[in-house]
Protein backbone atom coordinates (compact mmCIF):
# COMPACT_ATOMS: atom_id res chain seq x y z
CA UNK A 1 98.42 91.97 91.78
CA UNK A 2 101.85 93.93 91.64
CA UNK A 3 104.18 93.01 88.55
CA UNK A 4 107.76 92.09 89.31
CA UNK A 5 110.38 92.64 86.71
CA UNK A 6 113.88 91.02 86.62
CA UNK A 7 116.30 93.23 85.10
CA UNK A 8 120.24 91.81 84.41
CA UNK A 9 122.74 94.43 84.78
CA UNK A 10 120.48 96.62 86.83
CA UNK A 11 123.01 98.35 89.06
CA UNK A 12 123.98 100.98 86.67
CA UNK A 13 123.47 102.69 83.38
CA UNK A 14 120.31 101.91 81.31
CA UNK A 15 119.41 98.92 83.54
CA UNK A 16 119.33 101.19 86.72
CA UNK A 17 117.39 103.67 84.93
CA UNK A 18 114.87 101.31 83.62
CA UNK A 19 114.60 99.79 87.28
CA UNK A 20 113.75 103.13 88.59
CA UNK A 21 111.28 104.09 85.81
CA UNK A 22 109.59 100.90 86.19
CA UNK A 23 109.39 101.10 90.09
CA UNK A 24 107.78 104.53 89.80
CA UNK A 25 105.04 102.91 87.72
CA UNK A 26 104.41 100.49 90.41
CA UNK A 27 106.68 97.50 89.46
CA UNK A 28 108.79 95.57 92.04
CA UNK A 29 112.18 94.92 90.85
CA UNK A 30 114.77 91.89 91.06
CA UNK A 31 118.12 93.25 89.66
CA UNK A 32 121.45 91.62 89.02
CA UNK A 33 124.91 92.70 89.42
CA UNK A 34 128.30 91.46 88.47
CA UNK A 35 130.53 92.76 91.12
CA UNK A 36 129.53 96.21 92.27
CA UNK A 37 127.42 95.21 95.17
CA UNK A 38 127.23 98.77 96.64
CA UNK A 39 125.99 100.19 93.56
CA UNK A 40 123.34 97.49 93.41
CA UNK A 41 122.56 98.19 97.08
CA UNK A 42 121.98 101.91 96.37
CA UNK A 43 119.46 101.10 93.57
CA UNK A 44 117.53 98.80 95.83
CA UNK A 45 117.36 101.64 98.31
CA UNK A 46 116.20 104.18 95.73
CA UNK A 47 113.48 101.63 94.60
CA UNK A 48 112.31 101.16 98.08
CA UNK A 49 112.21 104.92 98.58
CA UNK A 50 109.67 104.75 95.74
CA UNK A 51 107.47 102.52 97.82
CA UNK A 52 108.30 99.45 95.98
CA UNK A 53 110.22 96.15 96.90
CA UNK A 54 113.41 95.17 95.42
CA UNK A 55 116.23 92.79 95.75
CA UNK A 56 119.67 92.68 94.14
CA UNK A 57 121.30 89.26 93.24
CA UNK A 58 124.76 88.64 91.95
CA UNK A 59 125.12 87.13 88.49
CA UNK A 60 127.98 87.09 86.05
CA UNK A 61 126.01 86.48 82.75
CA UNK A 62 129.25 85.55 81.05
CA UNK A 63 129.14 82.21 83.18
CA UNK A 64 126.17 80.14 81.97
CA UNK A 65 127.15 77.42 84.24
CA UNK A 66 125.78 79.72 87.08
CA UNK A 67 122.28 80.07 85.37
CA UNK A 68 120.59 77.10 87.21
CA UNK A 69 121.59 78.09 90.61
CA UNK A 70 120.72 81.64 89.80
CA UNK A 71 117.09 80.58 88.70
CA UNK A 72 117.00 78.73 91.98
CA UNK A 73 117.99 81.91 93.87
CA UNK A 74 115.28 83.89 92.00
CA UNK A 75 112.70 81.20 93.01
CA UNK A 76 113.67 81.46 96.79
CA UNK A 77 113.42 85.40 96.66
CA UNK A 78 110.10 85.21 95.07
CA UNK A 79 108.73 83.04 97.59
CA UNK A 80 110.60 84.73 100.59
CA UNK A 81 109.67 88.20 99.49
CA UNK A 82 106.56 88.10 97.46
CA UNK A 83 105.03 84.81 98.44
CA UNK A 84 104.73 84.14 94.79
CA UNK A 85 106.34 81.51 92.27
CA UNK A 86 106.73 83.63 89.20
CA UNK A 87 107.67 87.08 88.06
CA UNK A 88 106.21 89.17 84.97
CA UNK A 89 108.81 91.00 83.15
CA UNK A 90 112.34 89.94 82.05
CA UNK A 91 114.76 92.57 80.76
CA UNK A 92 117.92 91.02 79.32
CA UNK A 93 120.02 94.24 79.51
CA UNK A 94 123.57 93.05 80.91
CA UNK A 95 126.26 93.99 78.37
CA UNK A 96 129.82 95.37 77.75
CA UNK A 97 131.41 97.17 74.90
CA UNK A 98 134.66 96.12 73.18
CA UNK A 99 135.70 98.64 70.41
CA UNK A 100 137.88 96.86 67.90
CA UNK A 101 137.97 96.96 64.08
CA UNK A 102 137.05 93.96 62.02
CA UNK A 103 140.84 93.15 61.18
CA UNK A 104 141.83 93.47 64.81
CA UNK A 105 139.20 91.76 66.68
CA UNK A 106 140.68 88.88 68.58
CA UNK A 107 139.06 85.48 68.97
CA UNK A 108 139.06 86.09 72.92
CA UNK A 109 137.11 89.59 72.42
CA UNK A 110 134.65 87.80 70.18
CA UNK A 111 133.93 84.94 72.50
CA UNK A 112 133.59 87.44 75.34
CA UNK A 113 131.05 89.33 73.48
CA UNK A 114 129.15 86.25 72.43
CA UNK A 115 129.02 84.94 75.97
CA UNK A 116 127.42 88.11 77.45
CA UNK A 117 125.40 89.52 74.50
CA UNK A 118 124.23 86.32 72.68
CA UNK A 119 124.63 83.06 74.82
CA UNK A 120 123.62 84.77 78.05
CA UNK A 121 120.17 85.94 76.86
CA UNK A 122 119.50 82.65 75.23
CA UNK A 123 120.35 80.33 78.05
CA UNK A 124 119.31 82.72 81.04
CA UNK A 125 115.89 83.08 79.51
CA UNK A 126 115.68 79.41 79.18
CA UNK A 127 116.56 78.87 82.66
CA UNK A 128 114.20 81.36 83.94
CA UNK A 129 111.51 80.38 81.58
CA UNK A 130 109.59 78.19 84.18
CA UNK A 131 109.49 81.27 86.56
CA UNK A 132 108.04 83.72 84.00
CA UNK A 133 104.23 84.13 84.10
CA UNK A 134 102.07 83.32 81.38
CA UNK A 135 100.99 86.63 79.74
CA UNK A 136 104.44 88.03 81.04
CA UNK A 137 106.95 90.00 78.94
CA UNK A 138 110.37 89.60 77.76
CA UNK A 139 112.50 92.52 76.37
CA UNK A 140 115.87 92.21 74.83
CA UNK A 141 118.34 94.80 74.41
CA UNK A 142 119.95 95.26 71.02
CA UNK A 143 121.43 98.38 69.43
CA UNK A 144 121.20 100.85 66.75
CA UNK A 145 124.27 99.57 65.34
CA UNK A 146 122.49 96.31 64.05
CA UNK A 147 120.83 98.61 61.49
CA UNK A 148 123.59 101.16 60.67
CA UNK A 149 127.37 100.28 60.90
CA UNK A 150 130.21 102.19 62.46
CA UNK A 151 133.72 100.91 62.18
CA UNK A 152 134.85 99.33 65.42
CA UNK A 153 131.59 97.50 66.32
CA UNK A 154 131.45 94.46 63.94
CA UNK A 155 131.65 91.78 66.74
CA UNK A 156 129.33 93.72 69.12
CA UNK A 157 126.82 94.44 66.45
CA UNK A 158 126.96 90.79 65.19
CA UNK A 159 125.90 89.57 68.63
CA UNK A 160 123.11 92.05 68.74
CA UNK A 161 121.92 91.11 65.28
CA UNK A 162 121.55 87.52 66.63
CA UNK A 163 119.49 88.88 69.69
CA UNK A 164 117.04 90.58 67.03
CA UNK A 165 116.69 87.01 65.45
CA UNK A 166 116.34 85.34 68.72
CA UNK A 167 113.49 87.65 69.75
CA UNK A 168 111.29 86.80 66.80
CA UNK A 169 111.87 83.04 67.48
CA UNK A 170 110.88 83.45 71.23
CA UNK A 171 107.82 85.64 70.30
CA UNK A 172 106.65 82.63 68.05
CA UNK A 173 107.47 79.79 70.44
CA UNK A 174 106.04 81.41 73.49
CA UNK A 175 103.04 82.87 72.02
CA UNK A 176 101.12 79.90 73.27
CA UNK A 177 101.81 81.25 76.74
CA UNK A 178 100.70 84.58 75.90
CA UNK A 179 104.36 86.01 76.46
CA UNK A 180 105.30 88.81 74.36
CA UNK A 181 108.76 89.18 73.34
CA UNK A 182 110.41 92.35 71.87
CA UNK A 183 113.70 94.03 71.48
CA UNK A 184 114.68 97.64 72.05
CA UNK A 185 117.51 99.13 70.12
CA UNK A 186 119.08 102.22 71.78
CA UNK A 187 121.22 104.77 69.75
CA UNK A 188 124.11 106.43 71.25
CA UNK A 189 123.41 107.25 74.75
CA UNK A 190 125.33 109.37 77.40
CA UNK A 191 126.27 106.75 79.88
CA UNK A 192 129.31 105.08 81.14
CA UNK A 193 128.94 102.36 78.59
CA UNK A 194 132.23 101.80 76.71
CA UNK A 195 134.01 103.93 79.01
CA UNK A 196 131.77 106.94 78.79
CA UNK A 197 133.05 108.02 75.46
CA UNK A 198 129.70 109.43 73.98
CA UNK A 199 128.93 111.14 77.24
CA UNK A 200 132.51 112.55 77.78
CA UNK A 201 133.90 113.07 74.39
CA UNK A 202 132.36 116.53 73.24
CA UNK A 203 133.49 116.27 69.73
CA UNK A 204 131.99 112.62 69.54
CA UNK A 205 128.84 113.71 70.97
CA UNK A 206 128.57 116.65 68.75
CA UNK A 207 128.91 114.44 65.60
CA UNK A 208 126.27 112.12 66.77
CA UNK A 209 123.91 114.92 67.59
CA UNK A 210 124.47 116.25 64.10
CA UNK A 211 123.43 112.85 62.44
CA UNK A 212 120.25 112.53 64.77
CA UNK A 213 117.03 113.84 63.60
CA UNK A 214 116.09 115.34 67.02
CA UNK A 215 119.51 116.99 67.17
CA UNK A 216 120.96 115.50 70.42
CA UNK A 217 122.50 112.40 71.89
CA UNK A 218 120.32 110.28 73.94
CA UNK A 219 119.72 110.32 77.62
CA UNK A 220 119.16 107.40 79.94
CA UNK A 221 115.78 108.63 80.77
CA UNK A 222 114.93 108.36 77.14
CA UNK A 223 115.67 104.56 77.09
CA UNK A 224 114.16 103.95 80.70
CA UNK A 225 110.99 105.36 79.70
CA UNK A 226 110.83 103.33 76.39
CA UNK A 227 111.38 100.12 78.31
CA UNK A 228 108.74 101.18 80.99
CA UNK A 229 106.46 101.88 78.07
CA UNK A 230 107.15 98.59 76.20
CA UNK A 231 106.51 96.63 79.42
CA UNK A 232 103.13 98.43 80.29
CA UNK A 233 99.81 96.86 80.07
CA UNK A 234 99.01 99.28 77.11
CA UNK A 235 101.77 97.84 74.92
CA UNK A 236 100.63 94.17 75.50
CA UNK A 237 99.64 93.89 71.54
CA UNK A 238 103.23 94.74 70.68
CA UNK A 239 104.91 91.37 69.88
CA UNK A 240 108.06 90.20 67.95
CA UNK A 241 109.14 93.81 67.05
CA UNK A 242 112.46 95.69 67.02
CA UNK A 243 111.84 99.13 68.45
CA UNK A 244 114.76 101.42 67.90
CA UNK A 245 115.02 104.18 70.37
CA UNK A 246 117.60 106.56 68.69
CA UNK A 247 115.99 110.01 68.25
CA UNK A 248 116.28 109.23 64.52
CA UNK A 249 120.12 108.27 63.99
CA UNK A 250 121.33 107.97 60.37
CA UNK A 251 117.79 108.21 58.60
């Protein structure tokens, strides 16, 4: 039976790339977007061009109060489009970057990052859990910044550190249902994340490349392929693990 993946933040960046890589491997996609309906529709069209089925649903992951209604919408789409009650893979990907030193981080910035990067994966996964197939997979997205420290990302990395702990607890508690839970930690990637600074600032790009064993900054395909691999049948025995996809940054 065809697998179905739900990807938060799937209309752009790493989420979009992961959706296309999974679709190319035969997986159908439910993706979320916050405000860019046109971008989401374009990704759906690209997935359908690959011969897979897809749907885009609006969701602001910062609004946990919307999660029950979103879960109901997912259930409706599963029944209407797939004649199924459950999906197989959940990729908690949606996120933003806020750059500020520890001393300058405001409480509002901290709370925004917490809602999106920590509270959302916790309670959205909880809301969707009845819709995930036994034997399914959950993959959370962390960051290399949870291992190494660069000034300006204290709050962001703190949330991602929490996600790495949560991943282990989910793996332990959901093991009885055969659900494997892992976390992927990308290094610096050339996307529009954080205003596209890694992609567009050639000096910063070169500095990061010089600190990476493979000698370059990561590309979206590097992460999309890794995500597709971790959600493949062959990776089913990998569980409760942090997999860093950084090309060997700061080793």
